[in-house]
Amino acid sequence: MIKFAVPAIITRRVVTALVVAFGSGVVFMLMLIEFDHLTSTEEFCTTCHSMELAAAPYRESSHYMPTSGVRASCGDCHVSEGVLSATLDHVMGTKDLFKQLFGPDYDNPVVNNLHLPEAAFSARQWFRDRDSATCGRCHVREAIVGSRADTAKIHREDAEGKSCIDCHINLVHRKVPGKETFKRDAWNRMIEEEFGLEPGMADRILKGEAEPPEITAGVN
């Protein structure tokens, strides 16, 4: 009978350390999964008052009230799939928390809406960089039929090489023009009219030359 000698390096302490390390790794991964789950919910996202302003139109959209009953939450769209990718998204998202704490008063609807276009452009680029991967959690391009006769053909042929976000914008949150056609002056004038501000006030608020008026989130 052949006997194999155990290498001297494999001692009881080494085995114990390996078991502890493995167990710790499993616990750590489970904690990450739970962390990513909790921080991807609408309840968590809207703990920041400014996000309630983004959530309001979302709750009136087909992504929140679909005829199919399949509701897409914040994390379904804005957090990558996979525990490591999701965790990285949350870590990178801390820059938004930093802006919330030390930047302009995003809780103010006027300030929030004035800065909204840049936030929309950034979010759209995030989708584009990932080929709109999170859209695929619910939507399968080959299965899209639609109500129009040419919908299926468009998604099979004309959409070849394109990302979902290249065609589908302004579906969930407040509508913002595409970056190529966006006009800052026109947007500022629209916000001034919407909130009853004097002409040029939006420009001064953005430059930090004027304080925004106190307006509750429900006014828009």
C-alpha atoms as a PDB file:
ATOM      1  CA  MET A   1       0.000   0.000   0.000  1.00  0.00           C
ATOM      2  CA  ILE A   2       1.432   3.328  -1.078  1.00  0.00           C
ATOM      3  CA  LYS A   3       1.427   6.065   1.551  1.00  0.00           C
ATOM      4  CA  PHE A   4       1.866   9.705   0.726  1.00  0.00           C
ATOM      5  CA  ALA A   5       3.714  11.836   3.189  1.00  0.00           C
ATOM      6  CA  VAL A   6       2.024  15.081   4.116  1.00  0.00           C
ATOM      7  CA  PRO A   7       4.303  18.024   3.317  1.00  0.00           C
ATOM      8  CA  ALA A   8       5.782  19.523   6.417  1.00  0.00           C
ATOM      9  CA  ILE A   9       4.348  22.911   5.526  1.00  0.00           C
ATOM     10  CA  ILE A  10       0.773  21.639   5.909  1.00  0.00           C
ATOM     11  CA  THR A  11       0.397  21.848   9.638  1.00  0.00           C
ATOM     12  CA  ARG A  12      -2.738  22.023  11.749  1.00  0.00           C
ATOM     13  CA  ARG A  13      -2.330  25.764  11.997  1.00  0.00           C
ATOM     14  CA  VAL A  14      -2.124  26.110   8.218  1.00  0.00           C
ATOM     15  CA  VAL A  15      -5.237  24.000   7.713  1.00  0.00           C
ATOM     16  CA  THR A  16      -7.092  25.980  10.370  1.00  0.00           C
ATOM     17  CA  ALA A  17      -6.038  29.244   8.746  1.00  0.00           C
ATOM     18  CA  LEU A  18      -7.230  28.045   5.322  1.00  0.00           C
ATOM     19  CA  VAL A  19     -10.596  26.966   6.708  1.00  0.00           C
ATOM     20  CA  VAL A  20     -11.031  30.281   8.512  1.00  0.00           C
ATOM     21  CA  ALA A  21     -10.010  32.213   5.402  1.00  0.00           C
ATOM     22  CA  PHE A  22     -12.446  30.249   3.243  1.00  0.00           C
ATOM     23  CA  GLY A  23     -15.262  30.726   5.725  1.00  0.00           C
ATOM     24  CA  SER A  24     -14.512  34.432   6.010  1.00  0.00           C
ATOM     25  CA  GLY A  25     -14.537  34.744   2.235  1.00  0.00           C
ATOM     26  CA  VAL A  26     -17.943  33.086   2.012  1.00  0.00           C
ATOM     27  CA  VAL A  27     -19.343  35.338   4.745  1.00  0.00           C
ATOM     28  CA  PHE A  28     -17.849  38.412   3.050  1.00  0.00           C
ATOM     29  CA  MET A  29     -19.420  37.513  -0.303  1.00  0.00           C
ATOM     30  CA  LEU A  30     -22.805  36.931   1.332  1.00  0.00           C
ATOM     31  CA  MET A  31     -22.508  40.319   3.021  1.00  0.00           C
ATOM     32  CA  LEU A  32     -21.697  41.946  -0.343  1.00  0.00           C
ATOM     33  CA  ILE A  33     -24.716  40.306  -1.955  1.00  0.00           C
ATOM     34  CA  GLU A  34     -26.981  41.550   0.830  1.00  0.00           C
ATOM     35  CA  PHE A  35     -25.344  44.998   0.727  1.00  0.00           C
ATOM     36  CA  ASP A  36     -25.884  45.258  -3.026  1.00  0.00           C
ATOM     37  CA  HIS A  37     -29.479  44.110  -2.642  1.00  0.00           C
ATOM     38  CA  LEU A  38     -30.339  46.635   0.068  1.00  0.00           C
ATOM     39  CA  THR A  39     -28.575  49.562  -1.612  1.00  0.00           C
ATOM     40  CA  SER A  40     -30.293  48.913  -4.950  1.00  0.00           C
ATOM     41  CA  THR A  41     -33.823  49.411  -3.682  1.00  0.00           C
ATOM     42  CA  GLU A  42     -36.010  52.449  -4.245  1.00  0.00           C
ATOM     43  CA  GLU A  43     -36.404  52.788  -0.476  1.00  0.00           C
ATOM     44  CA  PHE A  44     -32.643  53.171  -0.046  1.00  0.00           C
ATOM     45  CA  CYS A  45     -32.113  55.449  -3.043  1.00  0.00           C
ATOM     46  CA  THR A  46     -34.817  57.875  -1.966  1.00  0.00           C
ATOM     47  CA  THR A  47     -33.365  58.315   1.526  1.00  0.00           C
ATOM     48  CA  CYS A  48     -31.683  61.283  -0.148  1.00  0.00           C
ATOM     49  CA  HIS A  49     -34.438  63.886  -0.523  1.00  0.00           C
ATOM     50  CA  SER A  50     -33.080  64.956  -3.901  1.00  0.00           C
ATOM     51  CA  MET A  51     -33.717  61.472  -5.279  1.00  0.00           C
ATOM     52  CA  GLU A  52     -37.405  61.839  -4.458  1.00  0.00           C
ATOM     53  CA  LEU A  53     -37.471  64.465  -7.208  1.00  0.00           C
ATOM     54  CA  ALA A  54     -36.156  61.864  -9.649  1.00  0.00           C
ATOM     55  CA  ALA A  55     -38.471  59.185  -8.282  1.00  0.00           C
ATOM     56  CA  ALA A  56     -41.671  61.195  -8.787  1.00  0.00           C
ATOM     57  CA  PRO A  57     -41.803  60.861 -12.599  1.00  0.00           C
ATOM     58  CA  TYR A  58     -40.484  57.297 -12.325  1.00  0.00           C
ATOM     59  CA  ARG A  59     -43.550  56.335 -10.287  1.00  0.00           C
ATOM     60  CA  GLU A  60     -45.751  57.559 -13.128  1.00  0.00           C
ATOM     61  CA  SER A  61     -43.830  55.687 -15.825  1.00  0.00           C
ATOM     62  CA  SER A  62     -44.484  52.329 -17.445  1.00  0.00           C
ATOM     63  CA  HIS A  63     -41.382  50.970 -15.713  1.00  0.00           C
ATOM     64  CA  TYR A  64     -43.104  51.482 -12.366  1.00  0.00           C
ATOM     65  CA  MET A  65     -46.682  50.715 -13.457  1.00  0.00           C
ATOM     66  CA  PRO A  66     -46.350  48.285 -16.369  1.00  0.00           C
ATOM     67  CA  THR A  67     -49.295  46.360 -17.779  1.00  0.00           C
ATOM     68  CA  SER A  68     -47.233  43.184 -17.355  1.00  0.00           C
ATOM     69  CA  GLY A  69     -46.821  43.721 -13.620  1.00  0.00           C
ATOM     70  CA  VAL A  70     -43.018  43.439 -13.908  1.00  0.00           C
ATOM     71  CA  ARG A  71     -41.707  46.497 -12.071  1.00  0.00           C
ATOM     72  CA  ALA A  72     -38.153  47.714 -12.619  1.00  0.00           C
ATOM     73  CA  SER A  73     -36.561  49.151  -9.478  1.00  0.00           C
ATOM     74  CA  CYS A  74     -33.701  51.653  -9.310  1.00  0.00           C
ATOM     75  CA  GLY A  75     -31.091  48.907  -9.078  1.00  0.00           C
ATOM     76  CA  ASP A  76     -32.540  46.904 -11.955  1.00  0.00           C
ATOM     77  CA  CYS A  77     -31.641  49.730 -14.322  1.00  0.00           C
ATOM     78  CA  HIS A  78     -28.768  51.579 -12.656  1.00  0.00           C
ATOM     79  CA  VAL A  79     -26.700  48.790 -11.046  1.00  0.00           C
ATOM     80  CA  SER A  80     -24.691  46.262 -13.053  1.00  0.00           C
ATOM     81  CA  GLU A  81     -25.370  42.557 -12.783  1.00  0.00           C
ATOM     82  CA  GLY A  82     -22.965  40.455 -10.698  1.00  0.00           C
ATOM     83  CA  VAL A  83     -21.908  41.054  -7.128  1.00  0.00           C
ATOM     84  CA  LEU A  84     -18.464  42.482  -7.962  1.00  0.00           C
ATOM     85  CA  SER A  85     -19.715  44.790 -10.730  1.00  0.00           C
ATOM     86  CA  ALA A  86     -22.627  45.895  -8.566  1.00  0.00           C
ATOM     87  CA  THR A  87     -20.327  46.643  -5.652  1.00  0.00           C
ATOM     88  CA  LEU A  88     -18.053  48.667  -7.935  1.00  0.00           C
ATOM     89  CA  ASP A  89     -21.066  50.671  -9.136  1.00  0.00           C
ATOM     90  CA  HIS A  90     -22.000  51.445  -5.538  1.00  0.00           C
ATOM     91  CA  VAL A  91     -18.438  52.477  -4.714  1.00  0.00           C
ATOM     92  CA  MET A  92     -18.291  54.735  -7.773  1.00  0.00           C
ATOM     93  CA  GLY A  93     -21.684  56.114  -6.788  1.00  0.00           C
ATOM     94  CA  THR A  94     -20.221  57.605  -3.633  1.00  0.00           C
ATOM     95  CA  LYS A  95     -19.170  60.581  -5.777  1.00  0.00           C
ATOM     96  CA  ASP A  96     -22.852  61.475  -5.999  1.00  0.00           C
ATOM     97  CA  LEU A  97     -23.138  61.247  -2.226  1.00  0.00           C
ATOM     98  CA  PHE A  98     -20.136  63.588  -1.956  1.00  0.00           C
ATOM     99  CA  LYS A  99     -21.862  66.074  -4.272  1.00  0.00           C
ATOM    100  CA  GLN A 100     -25.055  65.754  -2.260  1.00  0.00           C
ATOM    101  CA  LEU A 101     -23.216  66.561   0.980  1.00  0.00           C
ATOM    102  CA  PHE A 102     -20.790  69.214  -0.225  1.00  0.00           C
ATOM    103  CA  GLY A 103     -22.172  70.471  -3.548  1.00  0.00           C
ATOM    104  CA  PRO A 104     -25.176  72.605  -4.488  1.00  0.00           C
ATOM    105  CA  ASP A 105     -28.477  72.169  -2.670  1.00  0.00           C
ATOM    106  CA  TYR A 106     -29.874  69.386  -4.841  1.00  0.00           C
ATOM    107  CA  ASP A 107     -32.824  69.035  -2.445  1.00  0.00           C
ATOM    108  CA  ASN A 108     -34.101  72.328  -3.848  1.00  0.00           C
ATOM    109  CA  PRO A 109     -36.242  71.598  -6.947  1.00  0.00           C
ATOM    110  CA  VAL A 110     -34.871  74.607  -8.816  1.00  0.00           C
ATOM    111  CA  VAL A 111     -31.238  73.615  -8.282  1.00  0.00           C
ATOM    112  CA  ASN A 112     -32.060  69.978  -8.953  1.00  0.00           C
ATOM    113  CA  ASN A 113     -33.706  70.720 -12.280  1.00  0.00           C
ATOM    114  CA  LEU A 114     -30.985  73.124 -13.372  1.00  0.00           C
ATOM    115  CA  HIS A 115     -28.378  70.374 -12.881  1.00  0.00           C
ATOM    116  CA  LEU A 116     -30.607  67.610 -14.243  1.00  0.00           C
ATOM    117  CA  PRO A 117     -29.309  67.673 -17.859  1.00  0.00           C
ATOM    118  CA  GLU A 118     -25.730  66.881 -16.820  1.00  0.00           C
ATOM    119  CA  ALA A 119     -26.996  64.050 -14.623  1.00  0.00           C
ATOM    120  CA  ALA A 120     -29.054  62.690 -17.520  1.00  0.00           C
ATOM    121  CA  PHE A 121     -26.106  62.850 -19.942  1.00  0.00           C
ATOM    122  CA  SER A 122     -23.894  61.053 -17.426  1.00  0.00           C
ATOM    123  CA  ALA A 123     -26.478  58.317 -16.852  1.00  0.00           C
ATOM    124  CA  ARG A 124     -26.975  57.814 -20.581  1.00  0.00           C
ATOM    125  CA  GLN A 125     -23.226  57.486 -21.092  1.00  0.00           C
ATOM    126  CA  TRP A 126     -23.135  54.902 -18.283  1.00  0.00           C
ATOM    127  CA  PHE A 127     -25.699  52.835 -20.177  1.00  0.00           C
ATOM    128  CA  ARG A 128     -23.873  53.317 -23.473  1.00  0.00           C
ATOM    129  CA  ASP A 129     -20.536  52.212 -21.994  1.00  0.00           C
ATOM    130  CA  ARG A 130     -22.194  48.956 -20.862  1.00  0.00           C
ATOM    131  CA  ASP A 131     -24.162  48.410 -24.067  1.00  0.00           C
ATOM    132  CA  SER A 132     -27.347  48.943 -22.037  1.00  0.00           C
ATOM    133  CA  ALA A 133     -26.720  45.606 -20.346  1.00  0.00           C
ATOM    134  CA  THR A 134     -29.184  46.187 -17.518  1.00  0.00           C
ATOM    135  CA  CYS A 135     -32.007  46.627 -20.042  1.00  0.00           C
ATOM    136  CA  GLY A 136     -31.454  42.976 -20.928  1.00  0.00           C
ATOM    137  CA  ARG A 137     -32.583  41.912 -17.483  1.00  0.00           C
ATOM    138  CA  CYS A 138     -36.169  42.386 -18.667  1.00  0.00           C
ATOM    139  CA  HIS A 139     -36.008  42.971 -22.412  1.00  0.00           C
ATOM    140  CA  VAL A 140     -34.858  40.512 -25.080  1.00  0.00           C
ATOM    141  CA  ARG A 141     -34.295  42.300 -28.380  1.00  0.00           C
ATOM    142  CA  GLU A 142     -35.205  39.276 -30.505  1.00  0.00           C
ATOM    143  CA  ALA A 143     -38.498  38.917 -28.625  1.00  0.00           C
ATOM    144  CA  ILE A 144     -39.641  42.522 -29.068  1.00  0.00           C
ATOM    145  CA  VAL A 145     -42.741  42.631 -31.257  1.00  0.00           C
ATOM    146  CA  GLY A 146     -44.485  45.863 -30.281  1.00  0.00           C
ATOM    147  CA  SER A 147     -47.813  47.233 -31.461  1.00  0.00           C
ATOM    148  CA  ARG A 148     -46.557  48.770 -34.712  1.00  0.00           C
ATOM    149  CA  ALA A 149     -46.026  46.624 -37.772  1.00  0.00           C
ATOM    150  CA  ASP A 150     -42.372  47.580 -38.198  1.00  0.00           C
ATOM    151  CA  THR A 151     -41.281  47.353 -34.537  1.00  0.00           C
ATOM    152  CA  ALA A 152     -39.813  43.856 -34.809  1.00  0.00           C
ATOM    153  CA  LYS A 153     -38.000  44.721 -38.056  1.00  0.00           C
ATOM    154  CA  ILE A 154     -36.514  47.873 -36.537  1.00  0.00           C
ATOM    155  CA  HIS A 155     -35.104  45.950 -33.579  1.00  0.00           C
ATOM    156  CA  ARG A 156     -33.765  43.135 -35.762  1.00  0.00           C
ATOM    157  CA  GLU A 157     -32.208  45.221 -38.521  1.00  0.00           C
ATOM    158  CA  ASP A 158     -32.087  48.980 -37.959  1.00  0.00           C
ATOM    159  CA  ALA A 159     -30.930  48.614 -34.341  1.00  0.00           C
ATOM    160  CA  GLU A 160     -27.969  46.454 -35.295  1.00  0.00           C
ATOM    161  CA  GLY A 161     -24.827  47.800 -33.643  1.00  0.00           C
ATOM    162  CA  LYS A 162     -26.789  50.218 -31.489  1.00  0.00           C
ATOM    163  CA  SER A 163     -27.360  50.244 -27.759  1.00  0.00           C
ATOM    164  CA  CYS A 164     -30.868  50.554 -26.296  1.00  0.00           C
ATOM    165  CA  ILE A 165     -30.052  53.984 -24.875  1.00  0.00           C
ATOM    166  CA  ASP A 166     -29.173  55.286 -28.355  1.00  0.00           C
ATOM    167  CA  CYS A 167     -32.890  55.273 -29.221  1.00  0.00           C
ATOM    168  CA  HIS A 168     -34.755  54.947 -25.936  1.00  0.00           C
ATOM    169  CA  ILE A 169     -34.382  57.969 -23.659  1.00  0.00           C
ATOM    170  CA  ASN A 170     -36.830  59.954 -21.527  1.00  0.00           C
ATOM    171  CA  LEU A 171     -38.830  56.839 -20.647  1.00  0.00           C
ATOM    172  CA  VAL A 172     -38.654  57.043 -16.865  1.00  0.00           C
ATOM    173  CA  HIS A 173     -37.428  60.362 -15.490  1.00  0.00           C
ATOM    174  CA  ARG A 174     -38.063  63.972 -16.445  1.00  0.00           C
ATOM    175  CA  LYS A 175     -37.506  64.495 -20.148  1.00  0.00           C
ATOM    176  CA  VAL A 176     -34.151  65.986 -21.127  1.00  0.00           C
ATOM    177  CA  PRO A 177     -33.151  66.561 -24.771  1.00  0.00           C
ATOM    178  CA  GLY A 178     -30.279  64.596 -26.251  1.00  0.00           C
ATOM    179  CA  LYS A 179     -26.837  66.010 -25.575  1.00  0.00           C
ATOM    180  CA  GLU A 180     -26.389  66.891 -29.247  1.00  0.00           C
ATOM    181  CA  THR A 181     -29.514  69.055 -29.363  1.00  0.00           C
ATOM    182  CA  PHE A 182     -29.551  70.354 -25.787  1.00  0.00           C
ATOM    183  CA  LYS A 183     -29.527  74.139 -25.404  1.00  0.00           C
ATOM    184  CA  ARG A 184     -28.568  75.372 -21.934  1.00  0.00           C
ATOM    185  CA  ASP A 185     -30.098  78.819 -22.426  1.00  0.00           C
ATOM    186  CA  ALA A 186     -33.451  77.375 -23.491  1.00  0.00           C
ATOM    187  CA  TRP A 187     -33.420  74.964 -20.537  1.00  0.00           C
ATOM    188  CA  ASN A 188     -32.673  77.764 -18.068  1.00  0.00           C
ATOM    189  CA  ARG A 189     -35.490  79.896 -19.449  1.00  0.00           C
ATOM    190  CA  MET A 190     -37.871  76.933 -19.144  1.00  0.00           C
ATOM    191  CA  ILE A 191     -36.932  76.401 -15.481  1.00  0.00           C
ATOM    192  CA  GLU A 192     -37.344  80.114 -14.771  1.00  0.00           C
ATOM    193  CA  GLU A 193     -40.826  80.074 -16.255  1.00  0.00           C
ATOM    194  CA  GLU A 194     -41.764  76.848 -14.477  1.00  0.00           C
ATOM    195  CA  PHE A 195     -40.797  78.143 -11.033  1.00  0.00           C
ATOM    196  CA  GLY A 196     -41.705  81.796 -11.559  1.00  0.00           C
ATOM    197  CA  LEU A 197     -38.130  83.126 -11.459  1.00  0.00           C
ATOM    198  CA  GLU A 198     -37.058  86.455 -12.901  1.00  0.00           C
ATOM    199  CA  PRO A 199     -35.178  86.305 -16.220  1.00  0.00           C
ATOM    200  CA  GLY A 200     -31.498  85.450 -15.822  1.00  0.00           C
ATOM    201  CA  MET A 201     -31.979  84.040 -12.304  1.00  0.00           C
ATOM    202  CA  ALA A 202     -31.182  80.489 -13.415  1.00  0.00           C
ATOM    203  CA  ASP A 203     -27.832  81.567 -14.842  1.00  0.00           C
ATOM    204  CA  ARG A 204     -26.911  83.351 -11.625  1.00  0.00           C
ATOM    205  CA  ILE A 205     -27.899  80.358  -9.491  1.00  0.00           C
ATOM    206  CA  LEU A 206     -25.702  78.055 -11.556  1.00  0.00           C
ATOM    207  CA  LYS A 207     -22.778  80.464 -11.234  1.00  0.00           C
ATOM    208  CA  GLY A 208     -23.287  80.731  -7.478  1.00  0.00           C
ATOM    209  CA  GLU A 209     -24.103  84.415  -7.749  1.00  0.00           C
ATOM    210  CA  ALA A 210     -27.635  84.056  -6.370  1.00  0.00           C
ATOM    211  CA  GLU A 211     -29.403  81.888  -3.849  1.00  0.00           C
ATOM    212  CA  PRO A 212     -32.246  79.737  -5.147  1.00  0.00           C
ATOM    213  CA  PRO A 213     -35.717  80.455  -3.781  1.00  0.00           C
ATOM    214  CA  GLU A 214     -37.097  78.150  -1.124  1.00  0.00           C
ATOM    215  CA  ILE A 215     -39.475  75.860  -2.969  1.00  0.00           C
ATOM    216  CA  THR A 216     -40.946  72.635  -1.666  1.00  0.00           C
ATOM    217  CA  ALA A 217     -40.465  69.431  -3.643  1.00  0.00           C
ATOM    218  CA  GLY A 218     -44.137  69.278  -4.475  1.00  0.00           C
ATOM    219  CA  VAL A 219     -44.051  72.504  -6.502  1.00  0.00           C
ATOM    220  CA  ASN A 220     -43.106  72.209 -10.157  1.00  0.00           C
END
